[in-house]
Protein backbone atom coordinates (compact mmCIF):
# COMPACT_ATOMS: atom_id res chain seq x y z
CA UNK A 1 0.00 0.00 0.00
CA UNK A 2 2.74 2.53 0.90
CA UNK A 3 4.56 1.82 -2.36
CA UNK A 4 1.74 3.67 -4.21
CA UNK A 5 3.02 6.96 -2.75
CA UNK A 6 6.10 8.91 -3.85
CA UNK A 7 7.23 10.45 -0.57
CA UNK A 8 6.85 10.16 3.21
CA UNK A 9 7.14 13.30 5.33
CA UNK A 10 7.14 12.77 9.11
CA UNK A 11 4.81 14.98 11.13
CA UNK A 12 5.61 17.17 14.15
CA UNK A 13 8.73 15.99 15.99
CA UNK A 14 9.16 12.70 14.11
CA UNK A 15 12.34 11.63 12.30
CA UNK A 16 12.59 8.98 9.56
CA UNK A 17 15.74 6.85 9.83
CA UNK A 18 17.32 4.29 7.51
CA UNK A 19 19.22 1.88 9.71
CA UNK A 20 22.59 0.68 8.47
CA UNK A 21 22.54 -2.97 7.54
CA UNK A 22 24.41 -5.49 9.62
CA UNK A 23 27.29 -6.86 7.51
CA UNK A 24 27.16 -10.60 6.83
CA UNK A 25 30.77 -10.83 5.58
CA UNK A 26 34.02 -9.51 6.96
CA UNK A 27 36.43 -7.46 4.83
CA UNK A 28 38.37 -10.70 4.20
CA UNK A 29 35.26 -12.52 2.95
CA UNK A 30 34.57 -14.59 6.09
CA UNK A 31 30.86 -15.17 6.70
CA UNK A 32 29.77 -13.65 10.00
CA UNK A 33 27.13 -15.26 12.22
CA UNK A 34 23.61 -13.91 11.95
CA UNK A 35 22.87 -11.04 14.30
CA UNK A 36 19.58 -9.45 15.17
CA UNK A 37 18.54 -6.18 13.54
CA UNK A 38 18.39 -4.48 16.95
CA UNK A 39 22.16 -4.90 17.28
CA UNK A 40 22.80 -2.26 14.60
CA UNK A 41 21.87 0.92 16.41
CA UNK A 42 23.23 3.39 13.86
CA UNK A 43 21.26 4.96 11.06
CA UNK A 44 21.01 7.93 8.73
CA UNK A 45 18.33 10.61 8.95
CA UNK A 46 16.26 10.47 5.74
CA UNK A 47 13.46 12.95 6.53
CA UNK A 48 12.35 15.13 9.45
CA UNK A 49 9.11 16.75 10.52
CA UNK A 50 8.77 20.50 11.04
CA UNK A 51 8.97 20.37 14.86
CA UNK A 52 6.40 20.84 17.60
CA UNK A 53 5.33 23.17 20.38
CA UNK A 54 6.33 22.62 24.01
CA UNK A 55 4.01 23.00 27.01
CA UNK A 56 4.66 26.77 27.20
CA UNK A 57 3.75 27.25 23.52
CA UNK A 58 7.32 27.74 22.29
CA UNK A 59 8.18 26.17 18.94
CA UNK A 60 10.90 23.47 19.19
CA UNK A 61 12.78 22.62 15.99
CA UNK A 62 14.03 19.10 15.32
CA UNK A 63 17.53 18.61 16.78
CA UNK A 64 18.89 16.57 13.84
CA UNK A 65 19.23 17.30 10.13
CA UNK A 66 18.74 15.16 7.03
CA UNK A 67 21.92 13.21 6.21
CA UNK A 68 23.29 13.04 9.77
CA UNK A 69 24.33 9.69 11.24
CA UNK A 70 22.64 8.99 14.58
CA UNK A 71 22.80 6.52 17.46
CA UNK A 72 19.44 4.86 18.15
CA UNK A 73 18.02 3.08 21.19
CA UNK A 74 17.95 -0.74 20.95
CA UNK A 75 14.14 -0.76 21.10
CA UNK A 76 11.43 1.65 20.04
CA UNK A 77 10.46 3.47 16.91
CA UNK A 78 7.96 2.37 14.31
CA UNK A 79 9.08 0.19 11.39
CA UNK A 80 7.90 1.20 7.91
CA UNK A 81 8.44 -0.59 4.59
CA UNK A 82 8.47 1.93 1.73
CA UNK A 83 9.52 1.20 -1.87
CA UNK A 84 11.24 -2.07 -0.92
CA UNK A 85 13.32 -0.36 1.81
CA UNK A 86 12.98 -0.61 5.59
CA UNK A 87 12.84 2.58 7.64
CA UNK A 88 12.15 3.47 11.26
CA UNK A 89 10.32 6.53 12.56
CA UNK A 90 11.32 7.93 15.96
CA UNK A 91 10.47 11.00 17.99
CA UNK A 92 13.48 13.31 17.92
CA UNK A 93 13.75 13.04 21.71
CA UNK A 94 14.33 9.26 21.39
CA UNK A 95 17.51 9.68 19.31
CA UNK A 96 20.50 9.21 21.61
CA UNK A 97 23.33 11.03 19.79
CA UNK A 98 24.60 12.47 16.51
CA UNK A 99 27.71 10.72 15.16
CA UNK A 100 30.44 12.66 13.36
PDB file of N, CA and C in Angstrom:
ATOM      1  N   UNK A   1       0.816  -1.187   0.000  1.00  0.00           N
ATOM      2  CA  UNK A   1       0.000   0.000   0.000  1.00  0.00           C
ATOM      3  C   UNK A   1       0.868   1.262   0.000  1.00  0.00           C
ATOM      4  N   UNK A   2       1.901   1.335   0.856  1.00  0.00           N
ATOM      5  CA  UNK A   2       2.744   2.528   0.903  1.00  0.00           C
ATOM      6  C   UNK A   2       3.530   2.741  -0.380  1.00  0.00           C
ATOM      7  N   UNK A   3       3.770   1.683  -1.142  1.00  0.00           N
ATOM      8  CA  UNK A   3       4.560   1.824  -2.362  1.00  0.00           C
ATOM      9  C   UNK A   3       3.811   2.611  -3.445  1.00  0.00           C
ATOM     10  N   UNK A   4       2.509   2.872  -3.258  1.00  0.00           N
ATOM     11  CA  UNK A   4       1.742   3.673  -4.209  1.00  0.00           C
ATOM     12  C   UNK A   4       2.054   5.162  -4.078  1.00  0.00           C
ATOM     13  N   UNK A   5       2.715   5.562  -3.006  1.00  0.00           N
ATOM     14  CA  UNK A   5       3.021   6.962  -2.754  1.00  0.00           C
ATOM     15  C   UNK A   5       4.456   7.254  -3.150  1.00  0.00           C
ATOM     16  N   UNK A   6       4.762   8.524  -3.411  1.00  0.00           N
ATOM     17  CA  UNK A   6       6.098   8.909  -3.854  1.00  0.00           C
ATOM     18  C   UNK A   6       6.998   9.351  -2.715  1.00  0.00           C
ATOM     19  N   UNK A   7       6.425   9.839  -1.617  1.00  0.00           N
ATOM     20  CA  UNK A   7       7.229  10.451  -0.570  1.00  0.00           C
ATOM     21  C   UNK A   7       6.552  10.278   0.780  1.00  0.00           C
ATOM     22  N   UNK A   8       7.357  10.157   1.838  1.00  0.00           N
ATOM     23  CA  UNK A   8       6.848  10.159   3.208  1.00  0.00           C
ATOM     24  C   UNK A   8       7.478  11.351   3.916  1.00  0.00           C
ATOM     25  N   UNK A   9       6.656  12.178   4.531  1.00  0.00           N
ATOM     26  CA  UNK A   9       7.142  13.298   5.328  1.00  0.00           C
ATOM     27  C   UNK A   9       6.651  13.105   6.755  1.00  0.00           C
ATOM     28  N   UNK A  10       7.562  12.933   7.714  1.00  0.00           N
ATOM     29  CA  UNK A  10       7.141  12.772   9.110  1.00  0.00           C
ATOM     30  C   UNK A  10       6.441  14.037   9.618  1.00  0.00           C
ATOM     31  N   UNK A  11       5.528  13.858  10.545  1.00  0.00           N
ATOM     32  CA  UNK A  11       4.807  14.981  11.133  1.00  0.00           C
ATOM     33  C   UNK A  11       5.420  15.375  12.472  1.00  0.00           C
ATOM     34  N   UNK A  12       5.196  16.608  12.858  1.00  0.00           N
ATOM     35  CA  UNK A  12       5.607  17.166  14.147  1.00  0.00           C
ATOM     36  C   UNK A  12       7.074  16.888  14.445  1.00  0.00           C
ATOM     37  N   UNK A  13       7.342  16.221  15.562  1.00  0.00           N
ATOM     38  CA  UNK A  13       8.732  15.988  15.987  1.00  0.00           C
ATOM     39  C   UNK A  13       9.205  14.578  15.650  1.00  0.00           C
ATOM     40  N   UNK A  14       8.762  14.048  14.527  1.00  0.00           N
ATOM     41  CA  UNK A  14       9.164  12.704  14.112  1.00  0.00           C
ATOM     42  C   UNK A  14      10.339  12.779  13.129  1.00  0.00           C
ATOM     43  N   UNK A  15      11.155  11.722  13.151  1.00  0.00           N
ATOM     44  CA  UNK A  15      12.336  11.634  12.297  1.00  0.00           C
ATOM     45  C   UNK A  15      12.331  10.264  11.625  1.00  0.00           C
ATOM     46  N   UNK A  16      12.527  10.240  10.310  1.00  0.00           N
ATOM     47  CA  UNK A  16      12.589   8.981   9.557  1.00  0.00           C
ATOM     48  C   UNK A  16      14.047   8.575   9.393  1.00  0.00           C
ATOM     49  N   UNK A  17      14.373   7.349   9.797  1.00  0.00           N
ATOM     50  CA  UNK A  17      15.742   6.851   9.834  1.00  0.00           C
ATOM     51  C   UNK A  17      15.870   5.610   8.957  1.00  0.00           C
ATOM     52  N   UNK A  18      16.949   5.531   8.206  1.00  0.00           N
ATOM     53  CA  UNK A  18      17.321   4.291   7.506  1.00  0.00           C
ATOM     54  C   UNK A  18      18.466   3.689   8.286  1.00  0.00           C
ATOM     55  N   UNK A  19      18.184   2.558   8.933  1.00  0.00           N
ATOM     56  CA  UNK A  19      19.221   1.876   9.712  1.00  0.00           C
ATOM     57  C   UNK A  19      20.272   1.293   8.785  1.00  0.00           C
ATOM     58  N   UNK A  20      21.532   1.319   9.225  1.00  0.00           N
ATOM     59  CA  UNK A  20      22.587   0.676   8.466  1.00  0.00           C
ATOM     60  C   UNK A  20      22.427  -0.822   8.598  1.00  0.00           C
ATOM     61  N   UNK A  21      22.693  -1.518   7.531  1.00  0.00           N
ATOM     62  CA  UNK A  21      22.543  -2.972   7.535  1.00  0.00           C
ATOM     63  C   UNK A  21      23.705  -3.635   8.246  1.00  0.00           C
ATOM     64  N   UNK A  22      23.390  -4.715   8.930  1.00  0.00           N
ATOM     65  CA  UNK A  22      24.413  -5.487   9.622  1.00  0.00           C
ATOM     66  C   UNK A  22      25.188  -6.275   8.569  1.00  0.00           C
ATOM     67  N   UNK A  23      26.524  -6.126   8.530  1.00  0.00           N
ATOM     68  CA  UNK A  23      27.287  -6.862   7.510  1.00  0.00           C
ATOM     69  C   UNK A  23      27.234  -8.362   7.759  1.00  0.00           C
ATOM     70  N   UNK A  24      27.171  -9.141   6.678  1.00  0.00           N
ATOM     71  CA  UNK A  24      27.163 -10.597   6.835  1.00  0.00           C
ATOM     72  C   UNK A  24      28.494 -11.216   6.407  1.00  0.00           C
ATOM     73  N   UNK A  25      29.427 -10.365   5.935  1.00  0.00           N
ATOM     74  CA  UNK A  25      30.769 -10.829   5.576  1.00  0.00           C
ATOM     75  C   UNK A  25      31.799  -9.858   6.128  1.00  0.00           C
ATOM     76  N   UNK A  26      32.933 -10.378   6.520  1.00  0.00           N
ATOM     77  CA  UNK A  26      34.024  -9.508   6.956  1.00  0.00           C
ATOM     78  C   UNK A  26      34.744  -8.958   5.726  1.00  0.00           C
ATOM     79  N   UNK A  27      35.676  -8.029   5.936  1.00  0.00           N
ATOM     80  CA  UNK A  27      36.432  -7.461   4.827  1.00  0.00           C
ATOM     81  C   UNK A  27      37.227  -8.540   4.096  1.00  0.00           C
ATOM     82  N   UNK A  28      37.616  -9.606   4.804  1.00  0.00           N
ATOM     83  CA  UNK A  28      38.371 -10.695   4.197  1.00  0.00           C
ATOM     84  C   UNK A  28      37.501 -11.753   3.552  1.00  0.00           C
ATOM     85  N   UNK A  29      36.167 -11.584   3.597  1.00  0.00           N
ATOM     86  CA  UNK A  29      35.262 -12.525   2.950  1.00  0.00           C
ATOM     87  C   UNK A  29      34.749 -13.629   3.856  1.00  0.00           C
ATOM     88  N   UNK A  30      35.046 -13.566   5.149  1.00  0.00           N
ATOM     89  CA  UNK A  30      34.567 -14.586   6.086  1.00  0.00           C
ATOM     90  C   UNK A  30      33.114 -14.299   6.424  1.00  0.00           C
ATOM     91  N   UNK A  31      32.271 -15.331   6.355  1.00  0.00           N
ATOM     92  CA  UNK A  31      30.862 -15.174   6.700  1.00  0.00           C
ATOM     93  C   UNK A  31      30.735 -14.971   8.206  1.00  0.00           C
ATOM     94  N   UNK A  32      29.993 -13.957   8.593  1.00  0.00           N
ATOM     95  CA  UNK A  32      29.769 -13.650   9.998  1.00  0.00           C
ATOM     96  C   UNK A  32      28.467 -14.296  10.450  1.00  0.00           C
ATOM     97  N   UNK A  33      28.381 -14.658  11.733  1.00  0.00           N
ATOM     98  CA  UNK A  33      27.133 -15.259  12.219  1.00  0.00           C
ATOM     99  C   UNK A  33      25.993 -14.240  12.155  1.00  0.00           C
ATOM    100  N   UNK A  34      24.772 -14.770  12.018  1.00  0.00           N
ATOM    101  CA  UNK A  34      23.606 -13.907  11.945  1.00  0.00           C
ATOM    102  C   UNK A  34      23.440 -13.142  13.241  1.00  0.00           C
ATOM    103  N   UNK A  35      23.147 -11.853  13.127  1.00  0.00           N
ATOM    104  CA  UNK A  35      22.866 -11.040  14.302  1.00  0.00           C
ATOM    105  C   UNK A  35      21.489 -10.437  14.134  1.00  0.00           C
ATOM    106  N   UNK A  36      20.912 -10.029  15.228  1.00  0.00           N
ATOM    107  CA  UNK A  36      19.581  -9.452  15.170  1.00  0.00           C
ATOM    108  C   UNK A  36      19.657  -8.006  14.709  1.00  0.00           C
ATOM    109  N   UNK A  37      18.585  -7.543  14.065  1.00  0.00           N
ATOM    110  CA  UNK A  37      18.543  -6.180  13.539  1.00  0.00           C
ATOM    111  C   UNK A  37      18.725  -5.145  14.649  1.00  0.00           C
ATOM    112  N   UNK A  38      18.275  -5.448  15.861  1.00  0.00           N
ATOM    113  CA  UNK A  38      18.388  -4.485  16.947  1.00  0.00           C
ATOM    114  C   UNK A  38      19.833  -4.204  17.332  1.00  0.00           C
ATOM    115  N   UNK A  39      20.762  -5.101  16.934  1.00  0.00           N
ATOM    116  CA  UNK A  39      22.157  -4.904  17.276  1.00  0.00           C
ATOM    117  C   UNK A  39      22.779  -3.730  16.524  1.00  0.00           C
ATOM    118  N   UNK A  40      22.266  -3.385  15.359  1.00  0.00           N
ATOM    119  CA  UNK A  40      22.796  -2.257  14.599  1.00  0.00           C
ATOM    120  C   UNK A  40      21.995  -1.029  15.003  1.00  0.00           C
ATOM    121  N   UNK A  41      22.576  -0.214  15.846  1.00  0.00           N
ATOM    122  CA  UNK A  41      21.866   0.924  16.409  1.00  0.00           C
ATOM    123  C   UNK A  41      22.306   2.241  15.792  1.00  0.00           C
ATOM    124  N   UNK A  42      22.792   2.185  14.558  1.00  0.00           N
ATOM    125  CA  UNK A  42      23.227   3.387  13.865  1.00  0.00           C
ATOM    126  C   UNK A  42      22.412   3.515  12.587  1.00  0.00           C
ATOM    127  N   UNK A  43      22.008   4.740  12.276  1.00  0.00           N
ATOM    128  CA  UNK A  43      21.255   4.965  11.060  1.00  0.00           C
ATOM    129  C   UNK A  43      21.482   6.360  10.524  1.00  0.00           C
ATOM    130  N   UNK A  44      20.889   6.619   9.363  1.00  0.00           N
ATOM    131  CA  UNK A  44      21.010   7.934   8.729  1.00  0.00           C
ATOM    132  C   UNK A  44      19.636   8.577   8.675  1.00  0.00           C
ATOM    133  N   UNK A  45      19.580   9.867   8.994  1.00  0.00           N
ATOM    134  CA  UNK A  45      18.332  10.613   8.953  1.00  0.00           C
ATOM    135  C   UNK A  45      17.948  10.832   7.485  1.00  0.00           C
ATOM    136  N   UNK A  46      16.757  10.377   7.110  1.00  0.00           N
ATOM    137  CA  UNK A  46      16.260  10.473   5.739  1.00  0.00           C
ATOM    138  C   UNK A  46      15.294  11.652   5.587  1.00  0.00           C
ATOM    139  N   UNK A  47      14.438  11.862   6.584  1.00  0.00           N
ATOM    140  CA  UNK A  47      13.456  12.947   6.533  1.00  0.00           C
ATOM    141  C   UNK A  47      13.111  13.367   7.958  1.00  0.00           C
ATOM    142  N   UNK A  48      12.735  14.635   8.123  1.00  0.00           N
ATOM    143  CA  UNK A  48      12.348  15.129   9.447  1.00  0.00           C
ATOM    144  C   UNK A  48      11.036  15.897   9.329  1.00  0.00           C
ATOM    145  N   UNK A  49      10.317  15.937  10.445  1.00  0.00           N
ATOM    146  CA  UNK A  49       9.112  16.747  10.520  1.00  0.00           C
ATOM    147  C   UNK A  49       9.481  18.195  10.808  1.00  0.00           C
ATOM    148  N   UNK A  50       8.494  19.077  10.841  1.00  0.00           N
ATOM    149  CA  UNK A  50       8.771  20.498  11.044  1.00  0.00           C
ATOM    150  C   UNK A  50       9.139  20.859  12.481  1.00  0.00           C
ATOM    151  N   UNK A  51       8.755  20.048  13.447  1.00  0.00           N
ATOM    152  CA  UNK A  51       8.966  20.366  14.858  1.00  0.00           C
ATOM    153  C   UNK A  51       7.622  20.404  15.566  1.00  0.00           C
ATOM    154  N   UNK A  52       7.644  20.796  16.837  1.00  0.00           N
ATOM    155  CA  UNK A  52       6.397  20.840  17.596  1.00  0.00           C
ATOM    156  C   UNK A  52       6.481  21.940  18.652  1.00  0.00           C
ATOM    157  N   UNK A  53       5.392  22.164  19.334  1.00  0.00           N
ATOM    158  CA  UNK A  53       5.330  23.174  20.384  1.00  0.00           C
ATOM    159  C   UNK A  53       5.453  22.517  21.748  1.00  0.00           C
ATOM    160  N   UNK A  54       6.201  23.151  22.668  1.00  0.00           N
ATOM    161  CA  UNK A  54       6.326  22.620  24.012  1.00  0.00           C
ATOM    162  C   UNK A  54       5.122  23.053  24.853  1.00  0.00           C
ATOM    163  N   UNK A  55       5.143  22.723  26.128  1.00  0.00           N
ATOM    164  CA  UNK A  55       4.009  23.000  27.007  1.00  0.00           C
ATOM    165  C   UNK A  55       3.767  24.495  27.221  1.00  0.00           C
ATOM    166  N   UNK A  56       4.796  25.315  27.043  1.00  0.00           N
ATOM    167  CA  UNK A  56       4.656  26.767  27.198  1.00  0.00           C
ATOM    168  C   UNK A  56       4.262  27.451  25.884  1.00  0.00           C
ATOM    169  N   UNK A  57       4.133  26.695  24.804  1.00  0.00           N
ATOM    170  CA  UNK A  57       3.750  27.246  23.520  1.00  0.00           C
ATOM    171  C   UNK A  57       4.912  27.697  22.663  1.00  0.00           C
ATOM    172  N   UNK A  58       6.138  27.381  23.071  1.00  0.00           N
ATOM    173  CA  UNK A  58       7.319  27.739  22.292  1.00  0.00           C
ATOM    174  C   UNK A  58       7.587  26.669  21.237  1.00  0.00           C
ATOM    175  N   UNK A  59       7.915  27.114  20.023  1.00  0.00           N
ATOM    176  CA  UNK A  59       8.183  26.167  18.943  1.00  0.00           C
ATOM    177  C   UNK A  59       9.559  25.535  19.132  1.00  0.00           C
ATOM    178  N   UNK A  60       9.646  24.211  19.044  1.00  0.00           N
ATOM    179  CA  UNK A  60      10.896  23.466  19.188  1.00  0.00           C
ATOM    180  C   UNK A  60      11.228  22.810  17.847  1.00  0.00           C
ATOM    181  N   UNK A  61      12.341  23.235  17.246  1.00  0.00           N
ATOM    182  CA  UNK A  61      12.775  22.620  15.992  1.00  0.00           C
ATOM    183  C   UNK A  61      13.354  21.237  16.266  1.00  0.00           C
ATOM    184  N   UNK A  62      13.423  20.416  15.225  1.00  0.00           N
ATOM    185  CA  UNK A  62      14.032  19.099  15.317  1.00  0.00           C
ATOM    186  C   UNK A  62      15.541  19.271  15.529  1.00  0.00           C
ATOM    187  N   UNK A  63      16.120  18.466  16.409  1.00  0.00           N
ATOM    188  CA  UNK A  63      17.529  18.612  16.779  1.00  0.00           C
ATOM    189  C   UNK A  63      18.490  18.024  15.750  1.00  0.00           C
ATOM    190  N   UNK A  64      18.012  17.192  14.836  1.00  0.00           N
ATOM    191  CA  UNK A  64      18.892  16.569  13.836  1.00  0.00           C
ATOM    192  C   UNK A  64      18.530  17.075  12.452  1.00  0.00           C
ATOM    193  N   UNK A  65      19.440  16.864  11.510  1.00  0.00           N
ATOM    194  CA  UNK A  65      19.231  17.298  10.132  1.00  0.00           C
ATOM    195  C   UNK A  65      19.328  16.094   9.187  1.00  0.00           C
ATOM    196  N   UNK A  66      18.707  16.215   8.038  1.00  0.00           N
ATOM    197  CA  UNK A  66      18.745  15.157   7.032  1.00  0.00           C
ATOM    198  C   UNK A  66      20.203  14.893   6.650  1.00  0.00           C
ATOM    199  N   UNK A  67      20.572  13.611   6.594  1.00  0.00           N
ATOM    200  CA  UNK A  67      21.920  13.211   6.214  1.00  0.00           C
ATOM    201  C   UNK A  67      22.823  12.903   7.397  1.00  0.00           C
ATOM    202  N   UNK A  68      22.454  13.320   8.610  1.00  0.00           N
ATOM    203  CA  UNK A  68      23.287  13.036   9.771  1.00  0.00           C
ATOM    204  C   UNK A  68      23.196  11.572  10.164  1.00  0.00           C
ATOM    205  N   UNK A  69      24.293  11.046  10.700  1.00  0.00           N
ATOM    206  CA  UNK A  69      24.328   9.689  11.241  1.00  0.00           C
ATOM    207  C   UNK A  69      23.987   9.790  12.727  1.00  0.00           C
ATOM    208  N   UNK A  70      23.111   8.910  13.201  1.00  0.00           N
ATOM    209  CA  UNK A  70      22.639   8.991  14.580  1.00  0.00           C
ATOM    210  C   UNK A  70      22.725   7.637  15.283  1.00  0.00           C
ATOM    211  N   UNK A  71      22.812   7.700  16.598  1.00  0.00           N
ATOM    212  CA  UNK A  71      22.795   6.521  17.457  1.00  0.00           C
ATOM    213  C   UNK A  71      21.372   6.350  17.968  1.00  0.00           C
ATOM    214  N   UNK A  72      20.836   5.145  17.812  1.00  0.00           N
ATOM    215  CA  UNK A  72      19.445   4.861  18.146  1.00  0.00           C
ATOM    216  C   UNK A  72      19.342   3.956  19.362  1.00  0.00           C
ATOM    217  N   UNK A  73      18.222   4.009  20.076  1.00  0.00           N
ATOM    218  CA  UNK A  73      18.024   3.076  21.187  1.00  0.00           C
ATOM    219  C   UNK A  73      17.804   1.663  20.641  1.00  0.00           C
ATOM    220  N   UNK A  74      18.106   0.627  21.444  1.00  0.00           N
ATOM    221  CA  UNK A  74      17.947  -0.743  20.951  1.00  0.00           C
ATOM    222  C   UNK A  74      16.496  -1.118  20.654  1.00  0.00           C
ATOM    223  N   UNK A  75      15.561  -0.472  21.324  1.00  0.00           N
ATOM    224  CA  UNK A  75      14.139  -0.759  21.103  1.00  0.00           C
ATOM    225  C   UNK A  75      13.402   0.543  20.881  1.00  0.00           C
ATOM    226  N   UNK A  76      12.247   0.458  20.251  1.00  0.00           N
ATOM    227  CA  UNK A  76      11.430   1.647  20.040  1.00  0.00           C
ATOM    228  C   UNK A  76      11.321   1.976  18.573  1.00  0.00           C
ATOM    229  N   UNK A  77      10.667   3.062  18.290  1.00  0.00           N
ATOM    230  CA  UNK A  77      10.460   3.469  16.913  1.00  0.00           C
ATOM    231  C   UNK A  77       9.375   2.637  16.247  1.00  0.00           C
ATOM    232  N   UNK A  78       8.969   3.075  15.093  1.00  0.00           N
ATOM    233  CA  UNK A  78       7.962   2.372  14.308  1.00  0.00           C
ATOM    234  C   UNK A  78       8.589   1.967  12.985  1.00  0.00           C
ATOM    235  N   UNK A  79       8.509   0.689  12.647  1.00  0.00           N
ATOM    236  CA  UNK A  79       9.079   0.192  11.392  1.00  0.00           C
ATOM    237  C   UNK A  79       8.120   0.458  10.239  1.00  0.00           C
ATOM    238  N   UNK A  80       8.692   0.899   9.103  1.00  0.00           N
ATOM    239  CA  UNK A  80       7.904   1.201   7.914  1.00  0.00           C
ATOM    240  C   UNK A  80       8.626   0.619   6.707  1.00  0.00           C
ATOM    241  N   UNK A  81       7.903  -0.108   5.861  1.00  0.00           N
ATOM    242  CA  UNK A  81       8.443  -0.587   4.591  1.00  0.00           C
ATOM    243  C   UNK A  81       7.922   0.343   3.502  1.00  0.00           C
ATOM    244  N   UNK A  82       8.853   0.975   2.765  1.00  0.00           N
ATOM    245  CA  UNK A  82       8.470   1.928   1.735  1.00  0.00           C
ATOM    246  C   UNK A  82       9.374   1.738   0.535  1.00  0.00           C
ATOM    247  N   UNK A  83       8.796   1.432  -0.616  1.00  0.00           N
ATOM    248  CA  UNK A  83       9.523   1.204  -1.865  1.00  0.00           C
ATOM    249  C   UNK A  83      10.655   0.200  -1.683  1.00  0.00           C
ATOM    250  N   UNK A  84      10.319  -0.950  -1.121  1.00  0.00           N
ATOM    251  CA  UNK A  84      11.245  -2.072  -0.922  1.00  0.00           C
ATOM    252  C   UNK A  84      12.420  -1.742  -0.005  1.00  0.00           C
ATOM    253  N   UNK A  85      12.302  -0.724   0.824  1.00  0.00           N
ATOM    254  CA  UNK A  85      13.317  -0.362   1.808  1.00  0.00           C
ATOM    255  C   UNK A  85      12.667  -0.370   3.187  1.00  0.00           C
ATOM    256  N   UNK A  86      13.473  -0.631   4.213  1.00  0.00           N
ATOM    257  CA  UNK A  86      12.980  -0.609   5.589  1.00  0.00           C
ATOM    258  C   UNK A  86      13.463   0.663   6.278  1.00  0.00           C
ATOM    259  N   UNK A  87      12.539   1.349   6.918  1.00  0.00           N
ATOM    260  CA  UNK A  87      12.838   2.578   7.643  1.00  0.00           C
ATOM    261  C   UNK A  87      12.257   2.467   9.047  1.00  0.00           C
ATOM    262  N   UNK A  88      12.713   3.349   9.920  1.00  0.00           N
ATOM    263  CA  UNK A  88      12.149   3.471  11.261  1.00  0.00           C
ATOM    264  C   UNK A  88      11.813   4.927  11.493  1.00  0.00           C
ATOM    265  N   UNK A  89      10.714   5.165  12.206  1.00  0.00           N
ATOM    266  CA  UNK A  89      10.322   6.527  12.558  1.00  0.00           C
ATOM    267  C   UNK A  89      10.379   6.656  14.074  1.00  0.00           C
ATOM    268  N   UNK A  90      11.131   7.654  14.537  1.00  0.00           N
ATOM    269  CA  UNK A  90      11.320   7.929  15.958  1.00  0.00           C
ATOM    270  C   UNK A  90      10.908   9.359  16.265  1.00  0.00           C
ATOM    271  N   UNK A  91      10.562   9.626  17.527  1.00  0.00           N
ATOM    272  CA  UNK A  91      10.468  11.005  17.992  1.00  0.00           C
ATOM    273  C   UNK A  91      11.888  11.515  18.094  1.00  0.00           C
ATOM    274  N   UNK A  92      12.106  12.800  17.855  1.00  0.00           N
ATOM    275  CA  UNK A  92      13.484  13.311  17.917  1.00  0.00           C
ATOM    276  C   UNK A  92      14.072  13.178  19.310  1.00  0.00           C
ATOM    277  N   UNK A  93      13.246  13.176  20.346  1.00  0.00           N
ATOM    278  CA  UNK A  93      13.749  13.038  21.715  1.00  0.00           C
ATOM    279  C   UNK A  93      14.247  11.615  22.017  1.00  0.00           C
ATOM    280  N   UNK A  94      13.893  10.633  21.183  1.00  0.00           N
ATOM    281  CA  UNK A  94      14.330   9.261  21.395  1.00  0.00           C
ATOM    282  C   UNK A  94      15.729   8.984  20.818  1.00  0.00           C
ATOM    283  N   UNK A  95      16.189   9.857  19.923  1.00  0.00           N
ATOM    284  CA  UNK A  95      17.505   9.680  19.313  1.00  0.00           C
ATOM    285  C   UNK A  95      18.559   9.997  20.363  1.00  0.00           C
ATOM    286  N   UNK A  96      19.536   9.096  20.527  1.00  0.00           N
ATOM    287  CA  UNK A  96      20.504   9.208  21.606  1.00  0.00           C
ATOM    288  C   UNK A  96      21.642  10.175  21.327  1.00  0.00           C
ATOM    289  N   UNK A  97      22.169  10.191  20.088  1.00  0.00           N
ATOM    290  CA  UNK A  97      23.332  11.030  19.790  1.00  0.00           C
ATOM    291  C   UNK A  97      23.481  11.188  18.278  1.00  0.00           C
ATOM    292  N   UNK A  98      24.195  12.249  17.906  1.00  0.00           N
ATOM    293  CA  UNK A  98      24.596  12.474  16.514  1.00  0.00           C
ATOM    294  C   UNK A  98      26.035  12.035  16.386  1.00  0.00           C
ATOM    295  N   UNK A  99      26.353  11.244  15.367  1.00  0.00           N
ATOM    296  CA  UNK A  99      27.710  10.723  15.160  1.00  0.00           C
ATOM    297  C   UNK A  99      28.410  11.535  14.081  1.00  0.00           C
ATOM    298  N   UNK A 100      29.652  11.908  14.341  1.00  0.00           N
ATOM    299  CA  UNK A 100      30.437  12.664  13.359  1.00  0.00           C
ATOM    300  C   UNK A 100      31.718  11.949  13.055  1.00  0.00           C
TER     301      UNK A 100
END
